[in-house]
Amino acid sequence: MCIAHSGGKKSTCIAARCLGEPPPGQLTSYVANTSESYVGSSRGYACAVGTVPERVNQTTCLANGHWETPRCQVCIEASDPTGATYWGTKNVTKTGKTCQRWNSQSPQQHDFPNNPICHFIENYCRNPDSHTMPWCYTMDPDIRWEECSIPTC
């Protein structure tokens, strides 16, 4: 929608609705749209197998006329309750501490720098030692390690 200004000034345009479909991301489908896609309206979506929504399974038509990007995250399979095979990219602990890279010895020294079990070159939460859930060493010098909050599928 555009509003014309007098005196030869440029028109001011604002989005009234989103055009097209929301971006696909890691999704399998969208809930059928039963209404127009006006700014502020939402559509539900389903994440791909092995992933769950980061927050809610809805995407919203933003004021700029674009759909909010739906976000899915890797979850722990029910058949793997300890997350031993978790392959996601979560890199913060349940209290929000940043994970230390597995190939780093600072600030925490450890015995896992070259363990090939789960791509330990990043700072992702993993479970290399049969703990109860994925965890990581933290960048906080006072907190050696902490578990990560990862949803179950």
Protein backbone atom coordinates (compact mmCIF):
# COMPACT_ATOMS: atom_id res chain seq x y z
CA MET A 1 0.00 0.00 0.00
CA CYS A 2 1.47 3.39 -0.95
CA ILE A 3 0.49 6.89 0.13
CA ALA A 4 1.18 9.68 -2.36
CA HIS A 5 2.54 12.97 -1.04
CA SER A 6 1.82 16.37 -2.60
CA GLY A 7 4.52 18.60 -4.01
CA GLY A 8 6.37 15.93 -5.93
CA LYS A 9 7.67 14.11 -2.86
CA LYS A 10 8.16 10.35 -3.09
CA SER A 11 5.31 8.13 -2.07
CA THR A 12 5.52 6.28 1.24
CA CYS A 13 4.87 2.57 0.90
CA ILE A 14 4.18 0.01 3.59
CA ALA A 15 3.45 -3.68 3.33
CA ALA A 16 -0.11 -4.73 4.08
CA ARG A 17 0.41 -8.44 3.52
CA CYS A 18 3.02 -11.05 2.68
CA LEU A 19 3.16 -12.41 -0.81
CA GLY A 20 4.03 -15.99 -1.62
CA GLU A 21 4.88 -18.74 0.82
CA PRO A 22 7.19 -18.53 3.83
CA PRO A 23 10.77 -19.66 3.17
CA PRO A 24 11.18 -23.45 3.25
CA GLY A 25 14.13 -23.83 5.65
CA GLN A 26 14.10 -27.31 7.24
CA LEU A 27 10.36 -27.74 6.89
CA THR A 28 8.23 -30.55 5.61
CA SER A 29 4.99 -28.60 5.20
CA TYR A 30 2.85 -25.60 6.12
CA VAL A 31 -0.60 -25.72 7.62
CA ALA A 32 -3.12 -24.75 4.96
CA ASN A 33 -3.73 -21.03 4.87
CA THR A 34 -7.38 -20.29 5.57
CA SER A 35 -7.11 -16.51 5.43
CA GLU A 36 -5.22 -13.76 3.65
CA SER A 37 -1.59 -13.28 4.59
CA TYR A 38 -1.85 -9.86 6.21
CA VAL A 39 0.91 -8.36 8.32
CA GLY A 40 0.73 -9.96 11.75
CA SER A 41 -1.00 -13.14 10.58
CA SER A 42 0.68 -16.49 11.20
CA ARG A 43 0.94 -19.86 9.52
CA GLY A 44 1.78 -23.12 11.21
CA TYR A 45 4.51 -25.39 9.90
CA ALA A 46 5.95 -28.84 10.50
CA CYS A 47 9.68 -29.47 10.86
CA ALA A 48 11.47 -32.29 9.05
CA VAL A 49 11.88 -35.66 10.77
CA GLY A 50 14.59 -35.48 13.42
CA THR A 51 13.95 -31.80 14.12
CA VAL A 52 11.50 -29.76 16.20
CA PRO A 53 10.57 -26.05 16.19
CA GLU A 54 12.99 -23.82 18.13
CA ARG A 55 10.12 -21.95 19.76
CA VAL A 56 6.64 -22.34 18.34
CA ASN A 57 5.67 -23.96 15.05
CA GLN A 58 4.33 -20.75 13.53
CA THR A 59 5.80 -18.15 11.21
CA THR A 60 4.49 -14.59 11.09
CA CYS A 61 3.99 -12.13 8.25
CA LEU A 62 6.30 -9.23 9.19
CA ALA A 63 5.75 -5.51 8.64
CA ASN A 64 8.26 -5.51 5.77
CA GLY A 65 6.04 -7.87 3.76
CA HIS A 66 8.29 -10.90 4.25
CA TRP A 67 7.64 -14.04 6.24
CA GLU A 68 9.63 -14.64 9.40
CA THR A 69 12.11 -17.47 8.78
CA PRO A 70 10.86 -20.67 10.44
CA ARG A 71 13.52 -22.30 12.60
CA CYS A 72 13.86 -25.98 13.41
CA GLN A 73 16.49 -27.60 15.61
CA VAL A 74 17.86 -31.12 15.78
CA CYS A 75 16.34 -33.13 18.61
CA ILE A 76 17.32 -36.24 20.54
CA GLU A 77 15.62 -39.32 19.14
CA ALA A 78 13.48 -41.35 21.56
CA SER A 79 15.58 -44.40 20.68
CA ASP A 80 18.70 -42.53 21.89
CA PRO A 81 17.61 -41.01 25.24
CA THR A 82 21.16 -39.97 26.27
CA GLY A 83 21.83 -38.21 22.97
CA ALA A 84 24.91 -40.31 22.23
CA THR A 85 24.33 -39.79 18.49
CA TYR A 86 23.09 -36.17 18.70
CA TRP A 87 24.38 -34.29 15.62
CA GLY A 88 22.88 -30.83 16.13
CA THR A 89 24.62 -27.50 16.43
CA LYS A 90 23.50 -26.41 19.90
CA ASN A 91 26.53 -24.68 21.46
CA VAL A 92 25.25 -23.21 24.71
CA THR A 93 24.55 -24.97 27.99
CA LYS A 94 21.22 -25.13 29.82
CA THR A 95 22.20 -21.97 31.77
CA GLY A 96 23.36 -20.12 28.64
CA LYS A 97 27.12 -20.60 28.92
CA THR A 98 29.02 -20.77 25.64
CA CYS A 99 30.58 -24.15 24.90
CA GLN A 100 34.33 -24.47 24.45
CA ARG A 101 35.61 -25.95 21.18
CA TRP A 102 36.43 -29.63 21.58
CA ASN A 103 39.84 -29.17 19.97
CA SER A 104 40.77 -26.41 22.43
CA GLN A 105 42.40 -26.77 25.83
CA SER A 106 41.42 -23.34 27.10
CA PRO A 107 39.96 -22.42 29.47
CA GLN A 108 39.24 -26.11 30.30
CA GLN A 109 41.86 -28.80 29.76
CA HIS A 110 40.40 -32.20 28.84
CA ASP A 111 41.05 -35.57 27.19
CA PHE A 112 38.74 -35.20 24.16
CA PRO A 113 40.62 -32.90 21.73
CA ASN A 114 41.07 -35.50 18.99
CA ASN A 115 38.16 -37.84 19.71
CA PRO A 116 36.53 -38.56 16.30
CA ILE A 117 33.19 -39.65 17.78
CA CYS A 118 31.15 -36.55 16.94
CA HIS A 119 33.08 -34.01 14.88
CA PHE A 120 34.81 -32.48 17.89
CA ILE A 121 36.29 -29.60 15.93
CA GLU A 122 33.40 -27.30 16.85
CA ASN A 123 31.89 -26.26 20.16
CA TYR A 124 28.67 -28.25 19.83
CA CYS A 125 27.02 -30.12 22.69
CA ARG A 126 27.91 -33.81 22.50
CA ASN A 127 27.88 -36.94 24.66
CA PRO A 128 31.22 -38.70 24.08
CA ASP A 129 31.31 -40.54 27.41
CA SER A 130 27.84 -42.03 27.99
CA HIS A 131 26.69 -39.20 30.22
CA THR A 132 22.92 -38.79 30.81
CA MET A 133 22.63 -36.17 28.03
CA PRO A 134 24.77 -34.06 25.68
CA TRP A 135 27.09 -31.63 27.45
CA CYS A 136 30.14 -29.47 26.80
CA TYR A 137 33.08 -27.84 28.51
CA THR A 138 32.31 -24.17 29.09
CA MET A 139 34.17 -20.97 28.28
CA ASP A 140 33.57 -19.91 31.90
CA PRO A 141 36.84 -20.61 33.77
CA ASP A 142 34.86 -21.26 36.95
CA ILE A 143 32.43 -23.82 35.46
CA ARG A 144 34.26 -26.80 33.92
CA TRP A 145 31.32 -28.42 32.10
CA GLU A 146 27.56 -28.31 31.94
CA GLU A 147 24.70 -30.21 30.33
CA CYS A 148 22.81 -28.80 27.37
CA SER A 149 19.03 -28.52 27.02
CA ILE A 150 18.12 -30.36 23.86
CA PRO A 151 14.51 -31.33 23.12
CA THR A 152 13.45 -34.91 22.58
CA CYS A 153 11.76 -35.77 19.28
